[in-house]
Amino acid sequence: MPRGRQGAIDPRGCIPVDGGAAGAAAAAAIIAEAIKASGAIVRVDPENFAALIARAGAPLVVTATGGLFSKHIQYLTSYKGLVFFTKSAKPLSLPPDVELIVADKIWIPG
């Protein structure tokens, strides 16, 4: 019989886990699922990202401003089935044929 929240006996025989460990395990599971859902995300430096955008014909680029202590601009695009991500302290010079979407936030797992 359960004896209250703290000393409860789990009828399934599971070992009780405290809130901190359970929260960490849940966060790790969420990140793992996000990585599976998003597929491979390739992080590149801003120069390589700009070169990739220049090679792509009329690419779609998603951008957002991020950073907790120092602001940076994040960029995300797809090229030949892969997703590429970069961040830069200064705005990148993008070709005029870029279709730009300004997002509130870009979250990259891991």
N, C-alpha and C. Protein backbone atom coordinates (compact mmCIF):
# COMPACT_ATOMS: atom_id res chain seq x y z
N MET A 1 0.82 -1.17 0.00
CA MET A 1 0.00 0.00 0.00
C MET A 1 0.87 1.25 0.00
N PRO A 2 0.55 2.25 -0.79
CA PRO A 2 1.33 3.48 -0.77
C PRO A 2 1.28 4.15 0.59
N ARG A 3 2.41 4.69 1.00
CA ARG A 3 2.51 5.36 2.30
C ARG A 3 2.61 6.86 2.15
N GLY A 4 2.19 7.41 1.07
CA GLY A 4 2.32 8.85 0.84
C GLY A 4 3.29 9.07 -0.31
N ARG A 5 3.40 10.28 -0.75
CA ARG A 5 4.20 10.62 -1.93
C ARG A 5 5.67 10.29 -1.74
N GLN A 6 6.26 10.63 -0.62
CA GLN A 6 7.69 10.49 -0.42
C GLN A 6 8.11 9.02 -0.33
N GLY A 7 7.40 8.24 0.47
CA GLY A 7 7.83 6.86 0.69
C GLY A 7 6.93 5.87 0.00
N ALA A 8 6.33 6.22 -1.11
CA ALA A 8 5.38 5.35 -1.79
C ALA A 8 6.08 4.11 -2.33
N ILE A 9 5.37 3.00 -2.28
CA ILE A 9 5.86 1.76 -2.85
C ILE A 9 5.21 1.61 -4.21
N ASP A 10 6.02 1.44 -5.23
CA ASP A 10 5.50 1.31 -6.58
C ASP A 10 5.02 -0.12 -6.78
N PRO A 11 3.74 -0.33 -7.13
CA PRO A 11 3.22 -1.69 -7.29
C PRO A 11 3.88 -2.44 -8.44
N ARG A 12 4.52 -1.75 -9.37
CA ARG A 12 5.19 -2.41 -10.49
C ARG A 12 6.60 -2.85 -10.11
N GLY A 13 7.06 -2.50 -8.92
CA GLY A 13 8.40 -2.90 -8.50
C GLY A 13 9.48 -1.96 -9.01
N CYS A 14 9.09 -0.79 -9.51
CA CYS A 14 10.06 0.17 -10.02
C CYS A 14 10.77 0.87 -8.87
N ILE A 15 11.98 1.26 -9.09
CA ILE A 15 12.73 2.00 -8.10
C ILE A 15 12.34 3.46 -8.21
N PRO A 16 11.94 4.08 -7.10
CA PRO A 16 11.57 5.50 -7.15
C PRO A 16 12.76 6.36 -7.56
N VAL A 17 12.49 7.38 -8.34
CA VAL A 17 13.51 8.31 -8.79
C VAL A 17 13.13 9.69 -8.29
N ASP A 18 14.12 10.42 -7.76
CA ASP A 18 13.78 11.75 -7.26
C ASP A 18 13.50 12.69 -8.41
N GLY A 19 12.93 13.86 -8.12
CA GLY A 19 12.52 14.81 -9.14
C GLY A 19 13.65 15.29 -10.03
N GLY A 20 14.84 15.53 -9.47
CA GLY A 20 15.96 16.02 -10.27
C GLY A 20 16.42 15.02 -11.31
N ALA A 21 16.55 13.77 -10.91
CA ALA A 21 16.99 12.73 -11.84
C ALA A 21 15.92 12.48 -12.90
N ALA A 22 14.67 12.48 -12.47
CA ALA A 22 13.59 12.27 -13.43
C ALA A 22 13.53 13.40 -14.44
N GLY A 23 13.74 14.64 -13.97
CA GLY A 23 13.74 15.79 -14.88
C GLY A 23 14.87 15.72 -15.88
N ALA A 24 16.06 15.32 -15.43
CA ALA A 24 17.21 15.19 -16.33
C ALA A 24 16.98 14.09 -17.35
N ALA A 25 16.41 12.98 -16.92
CA ALA A 25 16.12 11.89 -17.84
C ALA A 25 15.08 12.31 -18.87
N ALA A 26 14.06 13.06 -18.44
CA ALA A 26 13.03 13.54 -19.36
C ALA A 26 13.62 14.51 -20.38
N ALA A 27 14.51 15.40 -19.92
CA ALA A 27 15.14 16.36 -20.84
C ALA A 27 16.00 15.63 -21.86
N ALA A 28 16.74 14.62 -21.43
CA ALA A 28 17.58 13.85 -22.35
C ALA A 28 16.73 13.13 -23.39
N ALA A 29 15.59 12.59 -22.95
CA ALA A 29 14.69 11.91 -23.88
C ALA A 29 14.09 12.88 -24.89
N ILE A 30 13.74 14.08 -24.45
CA ILE A 30 13.18 15.09 -25.35
C ILE A 30 14.21 15.50 -26.40
N ILE A 31 15.45 15.70 -25.99
CA ILE A 31 16.51 16.07 -26.93
C ILE A 31 16.75 14.95 -27.93
N ALA A 32 16.78 13.70 -27.45
CA ALA A 32 16.98 12.57 -28.36
C ALA A 32 15.87 12.49 -29.39
N GLU A 33 14.62 12.69 -28.98
CA GLU A 33 13.50 12.68 -29.91
C GLU A 33 13.57 13.84 -30.90
N ALA A 34 14.01 15.01 -30.44
CA ALA A 34 14.13 16.16 -31.33
C ALA A 34 15.18 15.91 -32.40
N ILE A 35 16.28 15.27 -32.00
CA ILE A 35 17.33 14.95 -32.98
C ILE A 35 16.80 13.97 -34.01
N LYS A 36 16.06 12.95 -33.57
CA LYS A 36 15.47 11.99 -34.50
C LYS A 36 14.50 12.68 -35.46
N ALA A 37 13.69 13.59 -34.93
CA ALA A 37 12.67 14.26 -35.74
C ALA A 37 13.29 15.22 -36.74
N SER A 38 14.37 15.90 -36.35
CA SER A 38 14.94 16.91 -37.23
C SER A 38 15.95 16.34 -38.21
N GLY A 39 16.44 15.15 -37.96
CA GLY A 39 17.46 14.58 -38.83
C GLY A 39 18.81 15.21 -38.55
N ALA A 40 19.72 15.06 -39.49
CA ALA A 40 21.07 15.59 -39.31
C ALA A 40 21.09 17.09 -39.54
N ILE A 41 21.69 17.80 -38.63
CA ILE A 41 21.89 19.24 -38.78
C ILE A 41 23.39 19.46 -38.81
N VAL A 42 23.86 20.07 -39.88
CA VAL A 42 25.29 20.28 -40.08
C VAL A 42 25.63 21.71 -39.66
N ARG A 43 26.50 21.84 -38.67
CA ARG A 43 26.94 23.17 -38.24
C ARG A 43 28.18 23.55 -39.05
N VAL A 44 28.14 24.74 -39.64
CA VAL A 44 29.27 25.23 -40.43
C VAL A 44 29.59 26.65 -39.97
N ASP A 45 30.78 27.11 -40.32
CA ASP A 45 31.12 28.49 -39.98
C ASP A 45 30.41 29.44 -40.94
N PRO A 46 30.28 30.70 -40.58
CA PRO A 46 29.53 31.65 -41.42
C PRO A 46 30.05 31.77 -42.85
N GLU A 47 31.35 31.67 -43.04
CA GLU A 47 31.91 31.78 -44.40
C GLU A 47 31.46 30.62 -45.27
N ASN A 48 31.49 29.41 -44.74
CA ASN A 48 31.04 28.24 -45.50
C ASN A 48 29.53 28.28 -45.75
N PHE A 49 28.78 28.81 -44.80
CA PHE A 49 27.33 28.94 -44.98
C PHE A 49 27.05 29.91 -46.12
N ALA A 50 27.74 31.04 -46.15
CA ALA A 50 27.54 32.03 -47.22
C ALA A 50 27.92 31.44 -48.57
N ALA A 51 29.00 30.65 -48.62
CA ALA A 51 29.41 30.01 -49.87
C ALA A 51 28.37 29.00 -50.33
N LEU A 52 27.80 28.27 -49.41
CA LEU A 52 26.77 27.29 -49.74
C LEU A 52 25.52 27.99 -50.29
N ILE A 53 25.13 29.08 -49.66
CA ILE A 53 23.98 29.85 -50.12
C ILE A 53 24.21 30.41 -51.53
N ALA A 54 25.43 30.83 -51.79
CA ALA A 54 25.76 31.37 -53.12
C ALA A 54 25.65 30.28 -54.19
N ARG A 55 25.94 29.02 -53.83
CA ARG A 55 25.86 27.91 -54.80
C ARG A 55 24.42 27.49 -55.07
N ALA A 56 23.56 27.60 -54.06
CA ALA A 56 22.17 27.15 -54.19
C ALA A 56 21.38 28.17 -55.00
N GLY A 57 20.47 27.68 -55.81
CA GLY A 57 19.63 28.57 -56.60
C GLY A 57 18.39 28.97 -55.83
N ALA A 58 18.20 30.25 -55.58
CA ALA A 58 17.05 30.81 -54.86
C ALA A 58 16.75 30.04 -53.57
N PRO A 59 17.70 29.99 -52.66
CA PRO A 59 17.51 29.20 -51.44
C PRO A 59 16.56 29.86 -50.44
N LEU A 60 15.98 29.03 -49.59
CA LEU A 60 15.17 29.48 -48.47
C LEU A 60 16.07 29.51 -47.25
N VAL A 61 16.13 30.64 -46.57
CA VAL A 61 16.96 30.78 -45.36
C VAL A 61 16.06 31.27 -44.23
N VAL A 62 16.14 30.56 -43.11
CA VAL A 62 15.43 30.97 -41.91
C VAL A 62 16.45 31.63 -41.00
N THR A 63 16.10 32.77 -40.44
CA THR A 63 17.02 33.50 -39.58
C THR A 63 16.30 33.93 -38.29
N ALA A 64 17.07 34.03 -37.23
CA ALA A 64 16.53 34.49 -35.94
C ALA A 64 17.68 35.09 -35.15
N THR A 65 17.34 35.98 -34.24
CA THR A 65 18.34 36.54 -33.34
C THR A 65 18.32 35.75 -32.05
N GLY A 66 19.50 35.37 -31.57
CA GLY A 66 19.58 34.58 -30.35
C GLY A 66 20.71 35.07 -29.46
N GLY A 67 20.94 34.33 -28.41
CA GLY A 67 22.03 34.65 -27.50
C GLY A 67 21.54 35.18 -26.18
N LEU A 68 22.09 34.63 -25.12
CA LEU A 68 21.69 35.06 -23.79
C LEU A 68 22.52 36.24 -23.31
N PHE A 69 23.83 36.11 -23.42
CA PHE A 69 24.72 37.17 -22.95
C PHE A 69 25.22 38.07 -24.07
N SER A 70 25.49 37.47 -25.23
CA SER A 70 25.88 38.27 -26.40
C SER A 70 24.98 37.86 -27.56
N LYS A 71 24.44 38.85 -28.24
CA LYS A 71 23.51 38.59 -29.33
C LYS A 71 24.25 38.07 -30.56
N HIS A 72 23.61 37.13 -31.25
CA HIS A 72 24.12 36.63 -32.52
C HIS A 72 22.92 36.33 -33.43
N ILE A 73 23.21 36.19 -34.69
CA ILE A 73 22.18 35.90 -35.68
C ILE A 73 22.35 34.46 -36.11
N GLN A 74 21.27 33.71 -36.08
CA GLN A 74 21.30 32.30 -36.46
C GLN A 74 20.71 32.16 -37.86
N TYR A 75 21.28 31.25 -38.63
CA TYR A 75 20.82 30.99 -39.99
C TYR A 75 20.64 29.49 -40.18
N LEU A 76 19.60 29.12 -40.93
CA LEU A 76 19.29 27.72 -41.18
C LEU A 76 18.82 27.60 -42.62
N THR A 77 19.34 26.60 -43.34
CA THR A 77 18.89 26.36 -44.71
C THR A 77 19.03 24.88 -45.03
N SER A 78 18.39 24.47 -46.09
CA SER A 78 18.48 23.09 -46.57
C SER A 78 19.20 23.10 -47.92
N TYR A 79 20.10 22.13 -48.09
CA TYR A 79 20.83 22.02 -49.36
C TYR A 79 21.11 20.55 -49.62
N LYS A 80 20.61 20.05 -50.74
CA LYS A 80 20.80 18.66 -51.16
C LYS A 80 20.43 17.67 -50.07
N GLY A 81 19.31 17.94 -49.40
CA GLY A 81 18.78 17.02 -48.41
C GLY A 81 19.35 17.14 -47.01
N LEU A 82 20.31 18.00 -46.81
CA LEU A 82 20.88 18.23 -45.48
C LEU A 82 20.48 19.61 -44.98
N VAL A 83 20.40 19.75 -43.66
CA VAL A 83 20.09 21.04 -43.05
C VAL A 83 21.38 21.63 -42.52
N PHE A 84 21.64 22.88 -42.90
CA PHE A 84 22.87 23.57 -42.49
C PHE A 84 22.52 24.72 -41.56
N PHE A 85 23.35 24.89 -40.52
CA PHE A 85 23.12 25.89 -39.50
C PHE A 85 24.42 26.64 -39.22
N THR A 86 24.29 27.94 -39.01
CA THR A 86 25.43 28.74 -38.56
C THR A 86 24.92 29.87 -37.69
N LYS A 87 25.82 30.47 -36.95
CA LYS A 87 25.49 31.69 -36.22
C LYS A 87 26.65 32.65 -36.36
N SER A 88 26.31 33.93 -36.36
CA SER A 88 27.30 34.96 -36.61
C SER A 88 26.98 36.19 -35.77
N ALA A 89 28.03 36.87 -35.33
CA ALA A 89 27.84 38.11 -34.56
C ALA A 89 27.34 39.24 -35.46
N LYS A 90 27.69 39.17 -36.73
CA LYS A 90 27.28 40.20 -37.70
C LYS A 90 26.39 39.58 -38.77
N PRO A 91 25.49 40.36 -39.35
CA PRO A 91 24.63 39.82 -40.43
C PRO A 91 25.47 39.34 -41.61
N LEU A 92 25.07 38.21 -42.19
CA LEU A 92 25.74 37.69 -43.38
C LEU A 92 25.25 38.44 -44.61
N SER A 93 26.10 38.57 -45.57
CA SER A 93 25.71 39.16 -46.85
C SER A 93 25.11 38.04 -47.70
N LEU A 94 23.81 38.12 -47.93
CA LEU A 94 23.12 37.07 -48.67
C LEU A 94 22.78 37.56 -50.07
N PRO A 95 22.78 36.64 -51.06
CA PRO A 95 22.43 37.02 -52.43
C PRO A 95 21.00 37.55 -52.52
N PRO A 96 20.69 38.34 -53.52
CA PRO A 96 19.36 38.95 -53.64
C PRO A 96 18.25 37.93 -53.90
N ASP A 97 18.58 36.74 -54.42
CA ASP A 97 17.53 35.76 -54.73
C ASP A 97 17.14 34.87 -53.54
N VAL A 98 17.70 35.15 -52.36
CA VAL A 98 17.37 34.38 -51.17
C VAL A 98 15.96 34.71 -50.70
N GLU A 99 15.20 33.65 -50.40
CA GLU A 99 13.89 33.84 -49.77
C GLU A 99 14.14 33.77 -48.27
N LEU A 100 13.95 34.87 -47.58
CA LEU A 100 14.31 34.98 -46.17
C LEU A 100 13.07 34.92 -45.29
N ILE A 101 13.12 34.05 -44.29
CA ILE A 101 12.05 33.95 -43.30
C ILE A 101 12.66 34.33 -41.96
N VAL A 102 12.06 35.31 -41.31
CA VAL A 102 12.54 35.75 -40.00
C VAL A 102 11.69 35.05 -38.94
N ALA A 103 12.35 34.23 -38.14
CA ALA A 103 11.66 33.48 -37.09
C ALA A 103 11.90 34.14 -35.74
N ASP A 104 11.03 33.85 -34.79
CA ASP A 104 11.24 34.34 -33.43
C ASP A 104 12.42 33.64 -32.78
N LYS A 105 12.57 32.36 -33.09
CA LYS A 105 13.61 31.57 -32.43
C LYS A 105 13.97 30.37 -33.28
N ILE A 106 15.24 30.00 -33.30
CA ILE A 106 15.70 28.75 -33.90
C ILE A 106 16.29 27.94 -32.76
N TRP A 107 15.79 26.73 -32.59
CA TRP A 107 16.31 25.84 -31.55
C TRP A 107 16.94 24.63 -32.22
N ILE A 108 18.21 24.42 -31.94
CA ILE A 108 18.94 23.28 -32.48
C ILE A 108 19.21 22.32 -31.33
N PRO A 109 18.77 21.05 -31.44
CA PRO A 109 18.99 20.12 -30.34
C PRO A 109 20.46 19.82 -30.11
N GLY A 110 20.76 19.49 -28.85
CA GLY A 110 22.13 19.08 -28.49
C GLY A 110 22.97 20.24 -28.29
